[in-house]
């Protein structure tokens, strides 16, 4: 993976900046998920209401465990066997910025298994916010070329990789409650 891009991206995240980066699904806007000011800046940049939360990406089960009070047993199986990127909404997140946590004390988290985003998470050693690279209410861009000028010029760093790749669809979203309830939110 391109170490210059990784280093520049990590430097931006550590300064509380917003990045535009290729995730395992679509092009995303992101920031350090543990930095309240960075998350607030991202909400404002996206023109998104704080009550409509964003998801976080993690690198592995260790990071996932560190940021949740409890992981329902079925989550391990879902993550291991999912063929497509799958975001799971968990109860009782820990050690993330409080403005990422929904009013019902839940947070959507996806484990990224490969590519630049996986390498970035492993090197950064913290969860990263991931939200589509658009203004709230507008269509999610399917290619880098579809990203609006406002986004390209407004972020603190644009990752210079995978600009020609057509992105896949957003992740599936499943809500798991610690009482064993499973609910599909988006396929």
C-alpha atoms as a PDB file:
ATOM      1  CA  UNK A   1       0.000   0.000   0.000  1.00  0.00           C
ATOM      2  CA  UNK A   2       1.166   3.531  -0.631  1.00  0.00           C
ATOM      3  CA  UNK A   3       3.006   4.626   2.528  1.00  0.00           C
ATOM      4  CA  UNK A   4       3.029   8.311   1.505  1.00  0.00           C
ATOM      5  CA  UNK A   5      -0.775   8.319   1.293  1.00  0.00           C
ATOM      6  CA  UNK A   6      -1.049   6.451   4.596  1.00  0.00           C
ATOM      7  CA  UNK A   7       1.315   8.883   6.342  1.00  0.00           C
ATOM      8  CA  UNK A   8      -0.433  11.988   4.957  1.00  0.00           C
ATOM      9  CA  UNK A   9      -3.852  10.641   5.884  1.00  0.00           C
ATOM     10  CA  UNK A  10      -2.792   9.720   9.422  1.00  0.00           C
ATOM     11  CA  UNK A  11      -1.170  13.141   9.887  1.00  0.00           C
ATOM     12  CA  UNK A  12      -4.483  14.789   8.871  1.00  0.00           C
ATOM     13  CA  UNK A  13      -6.519  12.554  11.197  1.00  0.00           C
ATOM     14  CA  UNK A  14      -4.215  13.285  14.148  1.00  0.00           C
ATOM     15  CA  UNK A  15      -4.691  17.037  13.573  1.00  0.00           C
ATOM     16  CA  UNK A  16      -8.487  16.637  13.725  1.00  0.00           C
ATOM     17  CA  UNK A  17      -8.922  16.998   9.964  1.00  0.00           C
ATOM     18  CA  UNK A  18     -11.499  15.593   7.564  1.00  0.00           C
ATOM     19  CA  UNK A  19     -10.345  13.124   4.930  1.00  0.00           C
ATOM     20  CA  UNK A  20     -11.872  11.998   1.636  1.00  0.00           C
ATOM     21  CA  UNK A  21     -10.881   8.365   1.218  1.00  0.00           C
ATOM     22  CA  UNK A  22     -11.721   5.089  -0.534  1.00  0.00           C
ATOM     23  CA  UNK A  23     -13.446   2.761   1.923  1.00  0.00           C
ATOM     24  CA  UNK A  24     -14.339  -0.887   1.371  1.00  0.00           C
ATOM     25  CA  UNK A  25     -17.664   0.321  -0.080  1.00  0.00           C
ATOM     26  CA  UNK A  26     -18.047   3.896  -1.390  1.00  0.00           C
ATOM     27  CA  UNK A  27     -15.826   6.982  -1.279  1.00  0.00           C
ATOM     28  CA  UNK A  28     -16.133   8.296   2.236  1.00  0.00           C
ATOM     29  CA  UNK A  29     -15.620  11.327   4.381  1.00  0.00           C
ATOM     30  CA  UNK A  30     -13.931  10.540   7.646  1.00  0.00           C
ATOM     31  CA  UNK A  31     -12.211  11.748  10.772  1.00  0.00           C
ATOM     32  CA  UNK A  32     -10.887  10.401  14.068  1.00  0.00           C
ATOM     33  CA  UNK A  33     -13.927   8.784  15.724  1.00  0.00           C
ATOM     34  CA  UNK A  34     -12.530   9.598  19.182  1.00  0.00           C
ATOM     35  CA  UNK A  35     -12.131  13.344  18.523  1.00  0.00           C
ATOM     36  CA  UNK A  36     -15.287  15.308  19.433  1.00  0.00           C
ATOM     37  CA  UNK A  37     -14.234  18.474  17.560  1.00  0.00           C
ATOM     38  CA  UNK A  38     -13.350  16.534  14.406  1.00  0.00           C
ATOM     39  CA  UNK A  39     -16.708  14.733  14.451  1.00  0.00           C
ATOM     40  CA  UNK A  40     -18.532  18.052  14.992  1.00  0.00           C
ATOM     41  CA  UNK A  41     -16.587  19.567  12.080  1.00  0.00           C
ATOM     42  CA  UNK A  42     -17.637  16.647   9.864  1.00  0.00           C
ATOM     43  CA  UNK A  43     -21.334  17.021  10.785  1.00  0.00           C
ATOM     44  CA  UNK A  44     -21.175  20.718   9.869  1.00  0.00           C
ATOM     45  CA  UNK A  45     -19.258  20.053   6.652  1.00  0.00           C
ATOM     46  CA  UNK A  46     -21.820  17.472   5.533  1.00  0.00           C
ATOM     47  CA  UNK A  47     -24.675  19.750   6.636  1.00  0.00           C
ATOM     48  CA  UNK A  48     -26.006  16.817   8.614  1.00  0.00           C
ATOM     49  CA  UNK A  49     -28.006  16.916  11.831  1.00  0.00           C
ATOM     50  CA  UNK A  50     -26.156  15.559  14.875  1.00  0.00           C
ATOM     51  CA  UNK A  51     -29.039  13.262  15.733  1.00  0.00           C
ATOM     52  CA  UNK A  52     -28.505  11.362  12.465  1.00  0.00           C
ATOM     53  CA  UNK A  53     -25.355   9.514  13.459  1.00  0.00           C
ATOM     54  CA  UNK A  54     -22.511   8.285  11.284  1.00  0.00           C
ATOM     55  CA  UNK A  55     -20.763   4.933  11.395  1.00  0.00           C
ATOM     56  CA  UNK A  56     -17.229   3.978  12.464  1.00  0.00           C
ATOM     57  CA  UNK A  57     -14.756   1.643  10.858  1.00  0.00           C
ATOM     58  CA  UNK A  58     -12.443  -0.628  12.848  1.00  0.00           C
ATOM     59  CA  UNK A  59      -9.531  -2.839  11.837  1.00  0.00           C
ATOM     60  CA  UNK A  60     -10.068  -6.004  13.857  1.00  0.00           C
ATOM     61  CA  UNK A  61     -11.850  -7.728  16.745  1.00  0.00           C
ATOM     62  CA  UNK A  62      -9.440  -6.229  19.283  1.00  0.00           C
ATOM     63  CA  UNK A  63     -10.390  -2.688  18.246  1.00  0.00           C
ATOM     64  CA  UNK A  64     -14.067  -3.646  18.108  1.00  0.00           C
ATOM     65  CA  UNK A  65     -13.932  -5.098  21.637  1.00  0.00           C
ATOM     66  CA  UNK A  66     -12.199  -1.992  22.968  1.00  0.00           C
ATOM     67  CA  UNK A  67     -15.019   0.243  21.748  1.00  0.00           C
ATOM     68  CA  UNK A  68     -18.026  -1.786  22.910  1.00  0.00           C
ATOM     69  CA  UNK A  69     -19.261  -2.748  26.343  1.00  0.00           C
ATOM     70  CA  UNK A  70     -20.434  -6.107  25.025  1.00  0.00           C
ATOM     71  CA  UNK A  71     -20.477  -7.847  21.652  1.00  0.00           C
ATOM     72  CA  UNK A  72     -23.390 -10.203  21.012  1.00  0.00           C
ATOM     73  CA  UNK A  73     -22.057 -13.666  20.155  1.00  0.00           C
ATOM     74  CA  UNK A  74     -23.823 -13.676  16.759  1.00  0.00           C
ATOM     75  CA  UNK A  75     -21.759 -10.632  15.677  1.00  0.00           C
ATOM     76  CA  UNK A  76     -18.587 -12.730  15.421  1.00  0.00           C
ATOM     77  CA  UNK A  77     -20.294 -15.147  13.057  1.00  0.00           C
ATOM     78  CA  UNK A  78     -21.813 -12.367  10.941  1.00  0.00           C
ATOM     79  CA  UNK A  79     -18.467 -10.596  10.562  1.00  0.00           C
ATOM     80  CA  UNK A  80     -16.571 -13.805   9.752  1.00  0.00           C
ATOM     81  CA  UNK A  81     -19.081 -15.078   7.182  1.00  0.00           C
ATOM     82  CA  UNK A  82     -20.428 -11.925   5.530  1.00  0.00           C
ATOM     83  CA  UNK A  83     -19.631 -11.906   1.818  1.00  0.00           C
ATOM     84  CA  UNK A  84     -20.190  -8.155   1.501  1.00  0.00           C
ATOM     85  CA  UNK A  85     -19.182  -5.305   3.812  1.00  0.00           C
ATOM     86  CA  UNK A  86     -21.617  -5.309   6.727  1.00  0.00           C
ATOM     87  CA  UNK A  87     -22.138  -2.596   9.313  1.00  0.00           C
ATOM     88  CA  UNK A  88     -23.526  -3.759  12.638  1.00  0.00           C
ATOM     89  CA  UNK A  89     -25.347  -1.395  14.992  1.00  0.00           C
ATOM     90  CA  UNK A  90     -24.304  -2.277  18.542  1.00  0.00           C
ATOM     91  CA  UNK A  91     -25.590  -1.278  21.971  1.00  0.00           C
ATOM     92  CA  UNK A  92     -23.396   0.611  24.463  1.00  0.00           C
ATOM     93  CA  UNK A  93     -20.372   1.918  22.524  1.00  0.00           C
ATOM     94  CA  UNK A  94     -17.306   2.988  24.520  1.00  0.00           C
ATOM     95  CA  UNK A  95     -14.359   5.335  24.045  1.00  0.00           C
ATOM     96  CA  UNK A  96     -15.666   7.102  20.928  1.00  0.00           C
ATOM     97  CA  UNK A  97     -16.756  10.694  20.609  1.00  0.00           C
ATOM     98  CA  UNK A  98     -20.124  11.115  22.349  1.00  0.00           C
ATOM     99  CA  UNK A  99     -21.535  13.018  19.348  1.00  0.00           C
ATOM    100  CA  UNK A 100     -21.290   9.805  17.299  1.00  0.00           C
ATOM    101  CA  UNK A 101     -23.491   7.828  19.681  1.00  0.00           C
ATOM    102  CA  UNK A 102     -27.211   7.700  18.858  1.00  0.00           C
ATOM    103  CA  UNK A 103     -29.849   8.792  21.361  1.00  0.00           C
ATOM    104  CA  UNK A 104     -30.620   5.106  22.074  1.00  0.00           C
ATOM    105  CA  UNK A 105     -26.936   4.525  23.025  1.00  0.00           C
ATOM    106  CA  UNK A 106     -26.045   2.621  19.845  1.00  0.00           C
ATOM    107  CA  UNK A 107     -23.363   2.974  17.169  1.00  0.00           C
ATOM    108  CA  UNK A 108     -22.912   1.419  13.735  1.00  0.00           C
ATOM    109  CA  UNK A 109     -19.475  -0.171  13.313  1.00  0.00           C
ATOM    110  CA  UNK A 110     -17.965  -2.038  10.361  1.00  0.00           C
ATOM    111  CA  UNK A 111     -14.786  -4.071  10.375  1.00  0.00           C
ATOM    112  CA  UNK A 112     -12.766  -3.465   7.214  1.00  0.00           C
ATOM    113  CA  UNK A 113     -10.837  -6.515   6.085  1.00  0.00           C
ATOM    114  CA  UNK A 114      -8.711  -5.331   3.140  1.00  0.00           C
ATOM    115  CA  UNK A 115      -7.397  -2.477   1.021  1.00  0.00           C
ATOM    116  CA  UNK A 116      -6.169   1.024   1.816  1.00  0.00           C
ATOM    117  CA  UNK A 117      -8.844   1.567   4.445  1.00  0.00           C
ATOM    118  CA  UNK A 118      -7.836  -1.585   6.338  1.00  0.00           C
ATOM    119  CA  UNK A 119      -4.167  -0.545   6.263  1.00  0.00           C
ATOM    120  CA  UNK A 120      -5.116   2.950   7.435  1.00  0.00           C
ATOM    121  CA  UNK A 121      -7.116   1.640  10.403  1.00  0.00           C
ATOM    122  CA  UNK A 122      -4.321  -0.740  11.395  1.00  0.00           C
ATOM    123  CA  UNK A 123      -1.708   2.023  11.317  1.00  0.00           C
ATOM    124  CA  UNK A 124      -3.913   4.733  12.907  1.00  0.00           C
ATOM    125  CA  UNK A 125      -4.923   2.348  15.734  1.00  0.00           C
ATOM    126  CA  UNK A 126      -8.263   4.117  16.306  1.00  0.00           C
ATOM    127  CA  UNK A 127     -11.699   3.897  14.707  1.00  0.00           C
ATOM    128  CA  UNK A 128     -12.392   6.273  11.834  1.00  0.00           C
ATOM    129  CA  UNK A 129     -15.745   7.830  11.019  1.00  0.00           C
ATOM    130  CA  UNK A 130     -17.137   6.808   7.658  1.00  0.00           C
ATOM    131  CA  UNK A 131     -19.946   8.629   5.906  1.00  0.00           C
ATOM    132  CA  UNK A 132     -20.638   8.909   2.192  1.00  0.00           C
ATOM    133  CA  UNK A 133     -18.822  11.671   0.295  1.00  0.00           C
ATOM    134  CA  UNK A 134     -21.831  13.900  -0.233  1.00  0.00           C
ATOM    135  CA  UNK A 135     -23.899  16.606   1.412  1.00  0.00           C
ATOM    136  CA  UNK A 136     -26.732  15.209   3.561  1.00  0.00           C
ATOM    137  CA  UNK A 137     -29.728  14.340   1.405  1.00  0.00           C
ATOM    138  CA  UNK A 138     -27.835  14.176  -1.908  1.00  0.00           C
ATOM    139  CA  UNK A 139     -27.007  11.009  -3.849  1.00  0.00           C
ATOM    140  CA  UNK A 140     -23.972   8.955  -2.876  1.00  0.00           C
ATOM    141  CA  UNK A 141     -21.291   9.241  -5.584  1.00  0.00           C
ATOM    142  CA  UNK A 142     -20.445   5.927  -7.277  1.00  0.00           C
ATOM    143  CA  UNK A 143     -17.112   7.157  -8.644  1.00  0.00           C
ATOM    144  CA  UNK A 144     -14.491   9.671  -7.576  1.00  0.00           C
ATOM    145  CA  UNK A 145     -15.447  11.802 -10.593  1.00  0.00           C
ATOM    146  CA  UNK A 146     -19.023  12.164  -9.247  1.00  0.00           C
ATOM    147  CA  UNK A 147     -17.851  13.786  -5.990  1.00  0.00           C
ATOM    148  CA  UNK A 148     -18.941  17.429  -5.829  1.00  0.00           C
ATOM    149  CA  UNK A 149     -16.390  20.243  -5.977  1.00  0.00           C
ATOM    150  CA  UNK A 150     -17.584  21.460  -2.542  1.00  0.00           C
ATOM    151  CA  UNK A 151     -16.448  18.145  -1.025  1.00  0.00           C
ATOM    152  CA  UNK A 152     -13.152  17.970  -2.935  1.00  0.00           C
ATOM    153  CA  UNK A 153     -12.144  21.522  -1.990  1.00  0.00           C
ATOM    154  CA  UNK A 154     -13.545  21.474   1.551  1.00  0.00           C
ATOM    155  CA  UNK A 155     -11.800  18.451   3.072  1.00  0.00           C
ATOM    156  CA  UNK A 156      -8.389  18.669   4.684  1.00  0.00           C
ATOM    157  CA  UNK A 157      -6.943  15.779   2.680  1.00  0.00           C
ATOM    158  CA  UNK A 158      -7.955  13.803  -0.431  1.00  0.00           C
ATOM    159  CA  UNK A 159      -6.396  10.341  -0.629  1.00  0.00           C
ATOM    160  CA  UNK A 160      -4.735  10.066  -4.016  1.00  0.00           C
ATOM    161  CA  UNK A 161      -5.568   6.411  -4.706  1.00  0.00           C
ATOM    162  CA  UNK A 162      -8.276   4.461  -6.541  1.00  0.00           C
ATOM    163  CA  UNK A 163      -9.658   7.507  -8.388  1.00  0.00           C
ATOM    164  CA  UNK A 164     -10.645   5.363 -11.381  1.00  0.00           C
ATOM    165  CA  UNK A 165     -12.339   2.602  -9.394  1.00  0.00           C
ATOM    166  CA  UNK A 166     -16.120   2.437  -9.504  1.00  0.00           C
ATOM    167  CA  UNK A 167     -17.273   1.951  -5.954  1.00  0.00           C
ATOM    168  CA  UNK A 168     -19.613  -0.730  -4.812  1.00  0.00           C
ATOM    169  CA  UNK A 169     -22.861  -0.098  -2.998  1.00  0.00           C
ATOM    170  CA  UNK A 170     -23.006   1.053   0.622  1.00  0.00           C
ATOM    171  CA  UNK A 171     -22.707  -1.668   3.257  1.00  0.00           C
ATOM    172  CA  UNK A 172     -25.551  -3.759   4.583  1.00  0.00           C
ATOM    173  CA  UNK A 173     -26.654  -2.611   8.025  1.00  0.00           C
ATOM    174  CA  UNK A 174     -27.804  -4.985  10.760  1.00  0.00           C
ATOM    175  CA  UNK A 175     -28.872  -3.970  14.261  1.00  0.00           C
ATOM    176  CA  UNK A 176     -27.905  -6.395  17.022  1.00  0.00           C
ATOM    177  CA  UNK A 177     -29.204  -5.901  20.514  1.00  0.00           C
ATOM    178  CA  UNK A 178     -27.561  -7.445  23.549  1.00  0.00           C
ATOM    179  CA  UNK A 179     -30.907  -9.198  24.227  1.00  0.00           C
ATOM    180  CA  UNK A 180     -30.372 -11.284  21.062  1.00  0.00           C
ATOM    181  CA  UNK A 181     -32.646  -9.356  18.695  1.00  0.00           C
ATOM    182  CA  UNK A 182     -31.431  -9.068  15.068  1.00  0.00           C
ATOM    183  CA  UNK A 183     -32.928  -6.514  12.672  1.00  0.00           C
ATOM    184  CA  UNK A 184     -31.876  -5.836   9.039  1.00  0.00           C
ATOM    185  CA  UNK A 185     -31.893  -2.067   8.424  1.00  0.00           C
ATOM    186  CA  UNK A 186     -30.377  -1.980   4.899  1.00  0.00           C
ATOM    187  CA  UNK A 187     -29.551  -4.876   2.562  1.00  0.00           C
END
